[in-house]
Amino acid sequence: MEPLTLYVDGFWSSPYALAAFVALTEKGLTFTTREVNLHEHAQAEPAFQARSVTGRVPVLEHGEFRLSESSAIVEYLEEAFAPPAYVSLFPAGAKHRARARQIMAWIRSDLMALREERPTSTVFYEPTRTPLSEAGVAAARKLIAAASAFLPEGQTSLFETFTIADVDLAMMLKRLIANGHEVPPKLIAFATTQWRRPSVRAFAEHARPAYVPY
């Protein structure tokens, strides 16, 4: 097998690096990681630019093939290491797979105020008690309403089995939970269950340097 390398941010706090890391781990693939210190503008160095094109993390290297954007990386891994030989990252059935992709796309494209005011550094490092702005409160309410609608009653996963969409939604909810915001019990149970998953724990518990705001 051609070697696999995943480029992640130096603080191991990118939600997109998390998704790619979990995808590789759930597939049971052997891979190495390399850190890119975004706060030192390492993403602008020519060597990394040549790999990522867009200058963003994560980046996956599979032999000579290079790919950025976490959603594309997840889709590539699902096709290159396809079920049943490898664990599936998506639920069974066209409608459920479409729903999983909807959730993932929505999380990456919406709730900007919440992402800005409750960055993942407040999950993996120190929480903040700075009040949310009106836009932040609106985004938090939207997240809770949508997550409550997406998650079936009595379940701690979005579908019958684990999917990569579970990680994305749990990570977004952790922005609220880790910072002491009120979140419905069923969503706390969901996020807690996902956070206990070995592939997620491997990322969440990875050794991190002292955080430097950037």
N, C-alpha and C. Protein backbone atom coordinates (compact mmCIF):
# COMPACT_ATOMS: atom_id res chain seq x y z
N MET A 1 0.84 -1.20 0.00
CA MET A 1 0.00 0.00 0.00
C MET A 1 0.88 1.25 0.00
N GLU A 2 0.49 2.23 -0.79
CA GLU A 2 1.21 3.49 -0.80
C GLU A 2 1.06 4.19 0.55
N PRO A 3 2.10 4.86 1.02
CA PRO A 3 2.04 5.49 2.34
C PRO A 3 0.99 6.61 2.40
N LEU A 4 0.40 6.75 3.57
CA LEU A 4 -0.60 7.78 3.83
C LEU A 4 -0.06 8.75 4.87
N THR A 5 -0.16 10.03 4.57
CA THR A 5 0.27 11.07 5.50
C THR A 5 -0.82 12.12 5.60
N LEU A 6 -1.15 12.49 6.83
CA LEU A 6 -2.15 13.52 7.07
C LEU A 6 -1.49 14.74 7.70
N TYR A 7 -1.64 15.88 7.05
CA TYR A 7 -1.12 17.15 7.57
C TYR A 7 -2.22 17.81 8.40
N VAL A 8 -1.89 18.09 9.67
CA VAL A 8 -2.86 18.69 10.59
C VAL A 8 -2.28 19.99 11.14
N ASP A 9 -3.14 20.78 11.77
CA ASP A 9 -2.64 22.01 12.38
C ASP A 9 -1.81 21.68 13.62
N GLY A 10 -0.85 22.54 13.93
CA GLY A 10 0.08 22.27 15.01
C GLY A 10 -0.54 22.19 16.37
N PHE A 11 -1.72 22.78 16.57
CA PHE A 11 -2.38 22.73 17.86
C PHE A 11 -3.38 21.57 17.95
N TRP A 12 -3.51 20.81 16.89
CA TRP A 12 -4.46 19.69 16.86
C TRP A 12 -5.84 20.16 17.33
N SER A 13 -6.30 21.24 16.74
CA SER A 13 -7.61 21.77 17.13
C SER A 13 -8.55 22.00 15.96
N SER A 14 -8.11 21.71 14.75
CA SER A 14 -8.96 21.90 13.59
C SER A 14 -10.06 20.85 13.54
N PRO A 15 -11.33 21.27 13.45
CA PRO A 15 -12.41 20.28 13.34
C PRO A 15 -12.34 19.50 12.03
N TYR A 16 -11.72 20.11 11.04
CA TYR A 16 -11.60 19.44 9.74
C TYR A 16 -10.47 18.41 9.77
N ALA A 17 -9.40 18.73 10.48
CA ALA A 17 -8.35 17.73 10.68
C ALA A 17 -8.90 16.57 11.50
N LEU A 18 -9.75 16.88 12.49
CA LEU A 18 -10.39 15.83 13.28
C LEU A 18 -11.16 14.87 12.39
N ALA A 19 -11.96 15.39 11.48
CA ALA A 19 -12.77 14.53 10.61
C ALA A 19 -11.88 13.62 9.76
N ALA A 20 -10.83 14.18 9.19
CA ALA A 20 -9.93 13.37 8.35
C ALA A 20 -9.19 12.33 9.19
N PHE A 21 -8.74 12.72 10.38
CA PHE A 21 -8.03 11.81 11.27
C PHE A 21 -8.94 10.64 11.67
N VAL A 22 -10.16 10.96 12.06
CA VAL A 22 -11.11 9.91 12.45
C VAL A 22 -11.42 9.00 11.28
N ALA A 23 -11.57 9.56 10.09
CA ALA A 23 -11.85 8.74 8.91
C ALA A 23 -10.74 7.72 8.66
N LEU A 24 -9.51 8.17 8.71
CA LEU A 24 -8.37 7.26 8.53
C LEU A 24 -8.33 6.19 9.62
N THR A 25 -8.57 6.61 10.84
CA THR A 25 -8.51 5.69 11.97
C THR A 25 -9.63 4.66 11.91
N GLU A 26 -10.84 5.11 11.61
CA GLU A 26 -11.97 4.19 11.52
C GLU A 26 -11.79 3.17 10.40
N LYS A 27 -11.12 3.58 9.34
CA LYS A 27 -10.84 2.66 8.23
C LYS A 27 -9.78 1.63 8.59
N GLY A 28 -9.11 1.84 9.73
CA GLY A 28 -8.06 0.91 10.14
C GLY A 28 -6.79 1.07 9.33
N LEU A 29 -6.56 2.26 8.79
CA LEU A 29 -5.41 2.49 7.92
C LEU A 29 -4.20 2.96 8.74
N THR A 30 -3.04 2.53 8.31
CA THR A 30 -1.80 3.00 8.91
C THR A 30 -1.40 4.31 8.24
N PHE A 31 -1.20 5.34 9.05
CA PHE A 31 -0.84 6.64 8.48
C PHE A 31 0.03 7.41 9.46
N THR A 32 0.75 8.36 8.94
CA THR A 32 1.55 9.24 9.78
C THR A 32 0.93 10.64 9.74
N THR A 33 1.25 11.45 10.72
CA THR A 33 0.77 12.83 10.74
C THR A 33 1.95 13.78 10.73
N ARG A 34 1.73 14.91 10.12
CA ARG A 34 2.72 15.99 10.12
C ARG A 34 2.00 17.28 10.48
N GLU A 35 2.63 18.07 11.32
CA GLU A 35 2.00 19.28 11.82
C GLU A 35 2.39 20.50 10.99
N VAL A 36 1.42 21.37 10.80
CA VAL A 36 1.62 22.62 10.09
C VAL A 36 1.28 23.74 11.07
N ASN A 37 2.24 24.54 11.43
CA ASN A 37 2.04 25.60 12.41
C ASN A 37 1.42 26.83 11.75
N LEU A 38 0.12 26.87 11.76
CA LEU A 38 -0.59 27.95 11.09
C LEU A 38 -0.29 29.30 11.72
N HIS A 39 -0.07 29.33 13.05
CA HIS A 39 0.21 30.60 13.70
C HIS A 39 1.57 31.17 13.30
N GLU A 40 2.42 30.32 12.71
CA GLU A 40 3.71 30.77 12.19
C GLU A 40 3.68 30.92 10.67
N HIS A 41 2.48 30.82 10.11
CA HIS A 41 2.25 30.98 8.66
C HIS A 41 2.98 29.91 7.84
N ALA A 42 3.12 28.73 8.44
CA ALA A 42 3.77 27.64 7.72
C ALA A 42 2.95 27.20 6.50
N GLN A 43 1.66 27.51 6.51
CA GLN A 43 0.81 27.14 5.38
C GLN A 43 1.16 27.94 4.13
N ALA A 44 1.90 29.04 4.31
CA ALA A 44 2.28 29.87 3.16
C ALA A 44 3.62 29.47 2.57
N GLU A 45 4.31 28.54 3.21
CA GLU A 45 5.60 28.11 2.70
C GLU A 45 5.43 27.35 1.38
N PRO A 46 6.32 27.57 0.43
CA PRO A 46 6.18 26.95 -0.89
C PRO A 46 5.99 25.43 -0.85
N ALA A 47 6.70 24.74 0.04
CA ALA A 47 6.59 23.29 0.09
C ALA A 47 5.19 22.85 0.45
N PHE A 48 4.56 23.55 1.40
CA PHE A 48 3.20 23.19 1.77
C PHE A 48 2.20 23.65 0.73
N GLN A 49 2.43 24.80 0.17
CA GLN A 49 1.54 25.28 -0.90
C GLN A 49 1.50 24.30 -2.06
N ALA A 50 2.64 23.69 -2.36
CA ALA A 50 2.69 22.72 -3.44
C ALA A 50 1.83 21.50 -3.13
N ARG A 51 1.73 21.18 -1.85
CA ARG A 51 0.92 20.03 -1.45
C ARG A 51 -0.57 20.36 -1.41
N SER A 52 -0.90 21.51 -0.83
CA SER A 52 -2.30 21.80 -0.57
C SER A 52 -2.98 22.62 -1.65
N VAL A 53 -2.21 23.39 -2.40
CA VAL A 53 -2.70 24.35 -3.40
C VAL A 53 -3.44 25.51 -2.73
N THR A 54 -4.39 25.20 -1.84
CA THR A 54 -5.19 26.23 -1.19
C THR A 54 -4.55 26.74 0.09
N GLY A 55 -3.47 26.11 0.56
CA GLY A 55 -2.79 26.55 1.77
C GLY A 55 -3.57 26.28 3.04
N ARG A 56 -4.39 25.24 3.03
CA ARG A 56 -5.21 24.93 4.21
C ARG A 56 -4.94 23.50 4.68
N VAL A 57 -5.25 23.27 5.95
CA VAL A 57 -5.22 21.92 6.49
C VAL A 57 -6.66 21.48 6.76
N PRO A 58 -6.88 20.15 6.70
CA PRO A 58 -5.89 19.09 6.50
C PRO A 58 -5.55 18.88 5.04
N VAL A 59 -4.43 18.18 4.85
CA VAL A 59 -4.03 17.68 3.53
C VAL A 59 -3.71 16.21 3.68
N LEU A 60 -4.19 15.42 2.75
CA LEU A 60 -3.87 13.99 2.72
C LEU A 60 -2.92 13.71 1.58
N GLU A 61 -1.85 12.99 1.89
CA GLU A 61 -0.96 12.46 0.86
C GLU A 61 -1.13 10.95 0.80
N HIS A 62 -1.40 10.45 -0.36
CA HIS A 62 -1.51 9.01 -0.59
C HIS A 62 -0.56 8.68 -1.73
N GLY A 63 0.65 8.29 -1.36
CA GLY A 63 1.68 8.16 -2.39
C GLY A 63 1.98 9.53 -2.97
N GLU A 64 1.86 9.66 -4.26
CA GLU A 64 2.10 10.94 -4.93
C GLU A 64 0.84 11.81 -5.04
N PHE A 65 -0.28 11.25 -4.64
CA PHE A 65 -1.55 11.97 -4.74
C PHE A 65 -1.74 12.84 -3.50
N ARG A 66 -2.17 14.09 -3.71
CA ARG A 66 -2.38 15.02 -2.61
C ARG A 66 -3.76 15.63 -2.72
N LEU A 67 -4.40 15.79 -1.56
CA LEU A 67 -5.78 16.25 -1.55
C LEU A 67 -6.03 17.07 -0.29
N SER A 68 -6.64 18.24 -0.46
CA SER A 68 -7.05 19.05 0.69
C SER A 68 -8.57 19.11 0.75
N GLU A 69 -9.08 19.73 1.81
CA GLU A 69 -10.50 19.85 2.15
C GLU A 69 -11.01 18.54 2.76
N SER A 70 -11.44 18.64 4.01
CA SER A 70 -11.78 17.43 4.77
C SER A 70 -12.91 16.63 4.15
N SER A 71 -13.91 17.30 3.61
CA SER A 71 -15.02 16.56 3.00
C SER A 71 -14.54 15.75 1.79
N ALA A 72 -13.64 16.34 0.99
CA ALA A 72 -13.09 15.62 -0.15
C ALA A 72 -12.21 14.45 0.31
N ILE A 73 -11.46 14.67 1.39
CA ILE A 73 -10.61 13.61 1.92
C ILE A 73 -11.45 12.43 2.40
N VAL A 74 -12.53 12.73 3.11
CA VAL A 74 -13.41 11.67 3.61
C VAL A 74 -14.02 10.89 2.44
N GLU A 75 -14.50 11.61 1.44
CA GLU A 75 -15.09 10.94 0.27
C GLU A 75 -14.05 10.09 -0.45
N TYR A 76 -12.84 10.60 -0.58
CA TYR A 76 -11.77 9.85 -1.25
C TYR A 76 -11.47 8.56 -0.49
N LEU A 77 -11.32 8.66 0.81
CA LEU A 77 -11.02 7.48 1.60
C LEU A 77 -12.14 6.44 1.51
N GLU A 78 -13.38 6.91 1.46
CA GLU A 78 -14.51 5.99 1.34
C GLU A 78 -14.47 5.23 0.01
N GLU A 79 -13.99 5.88 -1.04
CA GLU A 79 -13.91 5.22 -2.35
C GLU A 79 -12.63 4.41 -2.51
N ALA A 80 -11.51 4.96 -2.06
CA ALA A 80 -10.23 4.28 -2.23
C ALA A 80 -10.11 3.06 -1.32
N PHE A 81 -10.77 3.11 -0.17
CA PHE A 81 -10.74 2.00 0.78
C PHE A 81 -12.19 1.63 1.09
N ALA A 82 -12.83 1.10 0.07
CA ALA A 82 -14.27 0.95 0.07
C ALA A 82 -14.76 -0.24 0.90
N PRO A 83 -15.98 -0.16 1.40
CA PRO A 83 -16.63 -1.30 2.03
C PRO A 83 -16.89 -2.38 0.97
N PRO A 84 -16.97 -3.66 1.31
CA PRO A 84 -16.93 -4.18 2.68
C PRO A 84 -15.52 -4.49 3.19
N ALA A 85 -14.51 -4.30 2.35
CA ALA A 85 -13.14 -4.59 2.81
C ALA A 85 -12.75 -3.65 3.95
N TYR A 86 -13.28 -2.45 3.93
CA TYR A 86 -13.00 -1.47 4.97
C TYR A 86 -14.32 -0.96 5.55
N VAL A 87 -14.26 -0.51 6.78
CA VAL A 87 -15.45 0.04 7.44
C VAL A 87 -15.98 1.23 6.65
N SER A 88 -17.30 1.32 6.56
CA SER A 88 -17.90 2.46 5.87
C SER A 88 -17.96 3.67 6.78
N LEU A 89 -17.73 4.84 6.21
CA LEU A 89 -17.83 6.10 6.94
C LEU A 89 -19.22 6.72 6.84
N PHE A 90 -20.06 6.14 5.99
CA PHE A 90 -21.39 6.67 5.73
C PHE A 90 -22.44 5.61 6.00
N PRO A 91 -23.67 6.03 6.28
CA PRO A 91 -24.73 5.05 6.55
C PRO A 91 -25.16 4.32 5.28
N ALA A 92 -25.86 3.23 5.47
CA ALA A 92 -26.39 2.46 4.34
C ALA A 92 -27.62 3.17 3.78
N GLY A 93 -27.78 3.07 2.47
CA GLY A 93 -28.96 3.64 1.83
C GLY A 93 -28.71 5.03 1.30
N ALA A 94 -29.19 5.27 0.09
CA ALA A 94 -28.95 6.55 -0.58
C ALA A 94 -29.51 7.73 0.21
N LYS A 95 -30.68 7.58 0.80
CA LYS A 95 -31.29 8.69 1.52
C LYS A 95 -30.52 9.02 2.79
N HIS A 96 -30.09 7.99 3.51
CA HIS A 96 -29.32 8.23 4.73
C HIS A 96 -27.95 8.83 4.40
N ARG A 97 -27.33 8.34 3.33
CA ARG A 97 -26.03 8.91 2.94
C ARG A 97 -26.19 10.38 2.54
N ALA A 98 -27.27 10.68 1.85
CA ALA A 98 -27.53 12.08 1.48
C ALA A 98 -27.74 12.93 2.72
N ARG A 99 -28.44 12.40 3.71
CA ARG A 99 -28.66 13.16 4.94
C ARG A 99 -27.35 13.40 5.66
N ALA A 100 -26.49 12.40 5.72
CA ALA A 100 -25.18 12.57 6.36
C ALA A 100 -24.38 13.66 5.66
N ARG A 101 -24.38 13.65 4.34
CA ARG A 101 -23.65 14.68 3.58
C ARG A 101 -24.28 16.05 3.78
N GLN A 102 -25.60 16.11 3.91
CA GLN A 102 -26.27 17.38 4.18
C GLN A 102 -25.78 17.96 5.49
N ILE A 103 -25.74 17.15 6.53
CA ILE A 103 -25.30 17.62 7.84
C ILE A 103 -23.86 18.11 7.78
N MET A 104 -23.01 17.35 7.12
CA MET A 104 -21.60 17.73 7.02
C MET A 104 -21.42 19.03 6.25
N ALA A 105 -22.15 19.17 5.15
CA ALA A 105 -22.04 20.39 4.34
C ALA A 105 -22.57 21.60 5.10
N TRP A 106 -23.66 21.41 5.83
CA TRP A 106 -24.25 22.51 6.60
C TRP A 106 -23.29 22.99 7.69
N ILE A 107 -22.69 22.07 8.40
CA ILE A 107 -21.77 22.44 9.48
C ILE A 107 -20.59 23.22 8.94
N ARG A 108 -20.13 22.88 7.74
CA ARG A 108 -18.98 23.57 7.15
C ARG A 108 -19.32 24.92 6.55
N SER A 109 -20.59 25.21 6.37
CA SER A 109 -20.96 26.42 5.63
C SER A 109 -21.85 27.39 6.40
N ASP A 110 -22.24 27.03 7.62
CA ASP A 110 -23.18 27.86 8.37
C ASP A 110 -22.65 28.07 9.80
N LEU A 111 -23.41 28.78 10.61
CA LEU A 111 -23.10 28.98 12.03
C LEU A 111 -21.77 29.71 12.23
N MET A 112 -21.47 30.64 11.34
CA MET A 112 -20.19 31.33 11.38
C MET A 112 -19.96 32.06 12.69
N ALA A 113 -20.98 32.73 13.21
CA ALA A 113 -20.81 33.47 14.46
C ALA A 113 -20.40 32.55 15.60
N LEU A 114 -20.99 31.37 15.65
CA LEU A 114 -20.65 30.42 16.69
C LEU A 114 -19.23 29.91 16.51
N ARG A 115 -18.84 29.65 15.28
CA ARG A 115 -17.48 29.17 15.03
C ARG A 115 -16.45 30.23 15.40
N GLU A 116 -16.79 31.49 15.18
CA GLU A 116 -15.86 32.57 15.51
C GLU A 116 -15.80 32.84 17.01
N GLU A 117 -16.94 32.81 17.68
CA GLU A 117 -16.99 33.18 19.09
C GLU A 117 -16.71 32.01 20.03
N ARG A 118 -16.85 30.80 19.52
CA ARG A 118 -16.52 29.61 20.29
C ARG A 118 -15.61 28.72 19.45
N PRO A 119 -14.38 29.22 19.19
CA PRO A 119 -13.44 28.45 18.38
C PRO A 119 -13.08 27.14 19.06
N THR A 120 -12.54 26.22 18.31
CA THR A 120 -12.22 24.90 18.88
C THR A 120 -11.10 24.97 19.91
N SER A 121 -10.36 26.07 19.95
CA SER A 121 -9.37 26.23 21.01
C SER A 121 -10.05 26.23 22.38
N THR A 122 -11.33 26.66 22.43
CA THR A 122 -12.05 26.67 23.71
C THR A 122 -12.54 25.27 24.09
N VAL A 123 -12.43 24.34 23.16
CA VAL A 123 -12.77 22.95 23.44
C VAL A 123 -11.52 22.18 23.86
N PHE A 124 -10.44 22.36 23.11
CA PHE A 124 -9.22 21.58 23.35
C PHE A 124 -8.25 22.25 24.32
N TYR A 125 -8.45 23.54 24.58
CA TYR A 125 -7.60 24.27 25.52
C TYR A 125 -8.48 24.84 26.64
N GLU A 126 -8.52 26.15 26.77
CA GLU A 126 -9.28 26.78 27.85
C GLU A 126 -10.64 27.27 27.35
N PRO A 127 -11.70 26.95 28.10
CA PRO A 127 -13.02 27.48 27.73
C PRO A 127 -13.08 28.98 27.97
N THR A 128 -14.10 29.60 27.41
CA THR A 128 -14.31 31.03 27.60
C THR A 128 -15.67 31.26 28.21
N ARG A 129 -15.79 32.31 28.97
CA ARG A 129 -17.10 32.69 29.52
C ARG A 129 -17.55 34.03 28.94
N THR A 130 -16.90 34.49 27.89
CA THR A 130 -17.33 35.70 27.22
C THR A 130 -18.72 35.47 26.62
N PRO A 131 -19.67 36.33 26.92
CA PRO A 131 -21.03 36.12 26.40
C PRO A 131 -21.07 36.10 24.88
N LEU A 132 -21.96 35.32 24.36
CA LEU A 132 -22.16 35.30 22.92
C LEU A 132 -22.85 36.59 22.47
N SER A 133 -22.53 37.02 21.28
CA SER A 133 -23.22 38.15 20.67
C SER A 133 -24.63 37.71 20.27
N GLU A 134 -25.43 38.64 19.81
CA GLU A 134 -26.77 38.29 19.33
C GLU A 134 -26.67 37.28 18.20
N ALA A 135 -25.70 37.48 17.31
CA ALA A 135 -25.52 36.55 16.19
C ALA A 135 -25.07 35.19 16.71
N GLY A 136 -24.22 35.20 17.75
CA GLY A 136 -23.77 33.94 18.32
C GLY A 136 -24.91 33.18 18.99
N VAL A 137 -25.76 33.90 19.71
CA VAL A 137 -26.92 33.27 20.34
C VAL A 137 -27.85 32.68 19.29
N ALA A 138 -28.07 33.42 18.22
CA ALA A 138 -28.93 32.92 17.14
C ALA A 138 -28.34 31.67 16.52
N ALA A 139 -27.02 31.65 16.32
CA ALA A 139 -26.37 30.47 15.74
C ALA A 139 -26.46 29.28 16.68
N ALA A 140 -26.31 29.52 17.98
CA ALA A 140 -26.41 28.44 18.96
C ALA A 140 -27.82 27.85 18.96
N ARG A 141 -28.81 28.71 18.91
CA ARG A 141 -30.20 28.23 18.86
C ARG A 141 -30.47 27.44 17.60
N LYS A 142 -29.92 27.91 16.50
CA LYS A 142 -30.11 27.20 15.23
C LYS A 142 -29.45 25.83 15.28
N LEU A 143 -28.24 25.77 15.85
CA LEU A 143 -27.55 24.50 15.98
C LEU A 143 -28.35 23.52 16.83
N ILE A 144 -28.84 23.97 17.98
CA ILE A 144 -29.58 23.09 18.87
C ILE A 144 -30.87 22.60 18.21
N ALA A 145 -31.56 23.49 17.52
CA ALA A 145 -32.81 23.11 16.86
C ALA A 145 -32.55 22.09 15.75
N ALA A 146 -31.54 22.34 14.95
CA ALA A 146 -31.26 21.42 13.85
C ALA A 146 -30.74 20.08 14.36
N ALA A 147 -29.82 20.12 15.33
CA ALA A 147 -29.28 18.87 15.88
C ALA A 147 -30.38 18.04 16.52
N SER A 148 -31.31 18.70 17.21
CA SER A 148 -32.43 18.00 17.84
C SER A 148 -33.31 17.34 16.80
N ALA A 149 -33.47 18.01 15.66
CA ALA A 149 -34.29 17.44 14.58
C ALA A 149 -33.57 16.29 13.88
N PHE A 150 -32.26 16.42 13.70
CA PHE A 150 -31.50 15.38 13.00
C PHE A 150 -31.35 14.11 13.83
N LEU A 151 -31.22 14.26 15.14
CA LEU A 151 -30.92 13.11 16.01
C LEU A 151 -32.21 12.42 16.44
N PRO A 152 -32.40 11.16 16.06
CA PRO A 152 -33.61 10.43 16.47
C PRO A 152 -33.69 10.30 17.99
N GLU A 153 -34.90 10.32 18.51
CA GLU A 153 -35.10 10.17 19.95
C GLU A 153 -34.57 8.83 20.43
N GLY A 154 -33.91 8.86 21.57
CA GLY A 154 -33.41 7.63 22.16
C GLY A 154 -32.13 7.10 21.56
N GLN A 155 -31.52 7.85 20.62
CA GLN A 155 -30.28 7.40 19.99
C GLN A 155 -29.12 8.31 20.37
N THR A 156 -27.93 7.73 20.36
CA THR A 156 -26.72 8.51 20.58
C THR A 156 -25.85 8.52 19.32
N SER A 157 -26.47 8.22 18.19
CA SER A 157 -25.83 8.39 16.89
C SER A 157 -26.92 8.78 15.90
N LEU A 158 -26.51 9.43 14.83
CA LEU A 158 -27.49 9.94 13.87
C LEU A 158 -28.19 8.85 13.09
N PHE A 159 -27.47 7.74 12.89
CA PHE A 159 -28.01 6.63 12.12
C PHE A 159 -27.85 5.34 12.92
N GLU A 160 -28.12 4.22 12.32
CA GLU A 160 -28.06 2.96 13.06
C GLU A 160 -26.64 2.59 13.47
N THR A 161 -25.67 3.03 12.69
CA THR A 161 -24.27 2.79 13.00
C THR A 161 -23.51 4.12 12.97
N PHE A 162 -22.32 4.10 13.51
CA PHE A 162 -21.48 5.30 13.52
C PHE A 162 -21.19 5.77 12.09
N THR A 163 -21.19 7.10 11.91
CA THR A 163 -20.80 7.69 10.63
C THR A 163 -19.93 8.91 10.91
N ILE A 164 -19.23 9.35 9.90
CA ILE A 164 -18.37 10.52 10.05
C ILE A 164 -19.18 11.78 10.34
N ALA A 165 -20.45 11.79 9.96
CA ALA A 165 -21.32 12.93 10.26
C ALA A 165 -21.51 13.09 11.77
N ASP A 166 -21.48 11.97 12.50
CA ASP A 166 -21.59 12.04 13.96
C ASP A 166 -20.46 12.88 14.56
N VAL A 167 -19.27 12.71 14.03
CA VAL A 167 -18.11 13.44 14.54
C VAL A 167 -18.28 14.93 14.28
N ASP A 168 -18.68 15.29 13.08
CA ASP A 168 -18.85 16.70 12.73
C ASP A 168 -19.87 17.37 13.64
N LEU A 169 -21.02 16.71 13.84
CA LEU A 169 -22.06 17.32 14.65
C LEU A 169 -21.64 17.38 16.12
N ALA A 170 -21.00 16.33 16.61
CA ALA A 170 -20.54 16.33 18.00
C ALA A 170 -19.52 17.43 18.24
N MET A 171 -18.62 17.63 17.29
CA MET A 171 -17.61 18.68 17.43
C MET A 171 -18.27 20.04 17.51
N MET A 172 -19.27 20.27 16.69
CA MET A 172 -19.95 21.56 16.73
C MET A 172 -20.67 21.75 18.05
N LEU A 173 -21.32 20.71 18.55
CA LEU A 173 -22.02 20.82 19.83
C LEU A 173 -21.06 21.03 20.99
N LYS A 174 -19.86 20.47 20.89
CA LYS A 174 -18.87 20.65 21.95
C LYS A 174 -18.48 22.12 22.12
N ARG A 175 -18.64 22.92 21.09
CA ARG A 175 -18.36 24.36 21.21
C ARG A 175 -19.28 24.99 22.26
N LEU A 176 -20.48 24.47 22.38
CA LEU A 176 -21.41 24.96 23.38
C LEU A 176 -21.18 24.25 24.72
N ILE A 177 -21.10 22.94 24.68
CA ILE A 177 -21.00 22.16 25.92
C ILE A 177 -19.74 22.51 26.70
N ALA A 178 -18.60 22.57 26.01
CA ALA A 178 -17.33 22.84 26.70
C ALA A 178 -17.28 24.23 27.31
N ASN A 179 -18.11 25.13 26.79
CA ASN A 179 -18.10 26.51 27.28
C ASN A 179 -19.27 26.82 28.21
N GLY A 180 -19.92 25.77 28.69
CA GLY A 180 -20.93 25.93 29.73
C GLY A 180 -22.29 26.41 29.29
N HIS A 181 -22.59 26.33 27.99
CA HIS A 181 -23.90 26.75 27.52
C HIS A 181 -24.94 25.65 27.77
N GLU A 182 -26.15 26.06 27.90
CA GLU A 182 -27.23 25.11 28.13
C GLU A 182 -27.54 24.36 26.83
N VAL A 183 -27.47 23.04 26.92
CA VAL A 183 -27.71 22.17 25.77
C VAL A 183 -28.65 21.05 26.21
N PRO A 184 -29.64 20.69 25.41
CA PRO A 184 -30.56 19.63 25.80
C PRO A 184 -29.84 18.33 26.15
N PRO A 185 -30.36 17.61 27.16
CA PRO A 185 -29.71 16.37 27.60
C PRO A 185 -29.44 15.36 26.49
N LYS A 186 -30.37 15.23 25.54
CA LYS A 186 -30.17 14.22 24.50
C LYS A 186 -28.99 14.58 23.60
N LEU A 187 -28.74 15.89 23.43
CA LEU A 187 -27.60 16.30 22.62
C LEU A 187 -26.29 16.17 23.40
N ILE A 188 -26.35 16.39 24.70
CA ILE A 188 -25.16 16.16 25.52
C ILE A 188 -24.80 14.68 25.50
N ALA A 189 -25.80 13.82 25.62
CA ALA A 189 -25.56 12.37 25.59
C ALA A 189 -24.95 11.96 24.25
N PHE A 190 -25.46 12.54 23.18
CA PHE A 190 -24.94 12.25 21.85
C PHE A 190 -23.49 12.66 21.74
N ALA A 191 -23.18 13.91 22.08
CA ALA A 191 -21.81 14.42 21.95
C ALA A 191 -20.85 13.65 22.85
N THR A 192 -21.29 13.34 24.06
CA THR A 192 -20.44 12.60 24.99
C THR A 192 -20.12 11.21 24.45
N THR A 193 -21.12 10.54 23.89
CA THR A 193 -20.91 9.21 23.32
C THR A 193 -19.90 9.27 22.18
N GLN A 194 -20.06 10.24 21.31
CA GLN A 194 -19.13 10.35 20.19
C GLN A 194 -17.72 10.69 20.67
N TRP A 195 -17.61 11.51 21.69
CA TRP A 195 -16.30 11.93 22.21
C TRP A 195 -15.55 10.76 22.86
N ARG A 196 -16.30 9.76 23.29
CA ARG A 196 -15.68 8.58 23.91
C ARG A 196 -15.19 7.57 22.89
N ARG A 197 -15.54 7.76 21.64
CA ARG A 197 -15.13 6.81 20.62
C ARG A 197 -13.61 6.81 20.51
N PRO A 198 -12.96 5.65 20.44
CA PRO A 198 -11.49 5.60 20.43
C PRO A 198 -10.84 6.47 19.36
N SER A 199 -11.41 6.50 18.17
CA SER A 199 -10.81 7.30 17.09
C SER A 199 -10.87 8.79 17.42
N VAL A 200 -11.94 9.22 18.06
CA VAL A 200 -12.08 10.62 18.44
C VAL A 200 -11.18 10.93 19.63
N ARG A 201 -11.14 10.03 20.59
CA ARG A 201 -10.28 10.23 21.75
C ARG A 201 -8.81 10.33 21.35
N ALA A 202 -8.41 9.54 20.36
CA ALA A 202 -7.01 9.58 19.92
C ALA A 202 -6.63 10.97 19.46
N PHE A 203 -7.55 11.67 18.83
CA PHE A 203 -7.30 13.05 18.40
C PHE A 203 -7.44 14.01 19.57
N ALA A 204 -8.52 13.88 20.32
CA ALA A 204 -8.80 14.82 21.41
C ALA A 204 -7.73 14.77 22.50
N GLU A 205 -7.14 13.61 22.73
CA GLU A 205 -6.16 13.45 23.80
C GLU A 205 -4.72 13.53 23.32
N HIS A 206 -4.53 13.89 22.05
CA HIS A 206 -3.18 14.02 21.52
C HIS A 206 -2.44 15.14 22.25
N ALA A 207 -1.15 14.94 22.49
CA ALA A 207 -0.34 15.97 23.16
C ALA A 207 -0.34 17.25 22.33
N ARG A 208 -0.53 18.36 23.03
CA ARG A 208 -0.59 19.66 22.37
C ARG A 208 0.39 20.64 23.00
N PRO A 209 0.96 21.53 22.20
CA PRO A 209 1.81 22.58 22.76
C PRO A 209 0.93 23.66 23.39
N ALA A 210 1.56 24.57 24.11
CA ALA A 210 0.82 25.71 24.65
C ALA A 210 0.17 26.49 23.51
N TYR A 211 -1.05 26.92 23.73
CA TYR A 211 -1.79 27.59 22.66
C TYR A 211 -1.32 29.04 22.47
N VAL A 212 -1.18 29.42 21.23
CA VAL A 212 -0.82 30.79 20.87
C VAL A 212 -1.92 31.34 19.98
N PRO A 213 -2.70 32.31 20.42
CA PRO A 213 -3.77 32.86 19.59
C PRO A 213 -3.23 33.39 18.27
N TYR A 214 -4.01 33.20 17.21
CA TYR A 214 -3.59 33.72 15.89
C TYR A 214 -4.81 34.05 15.07
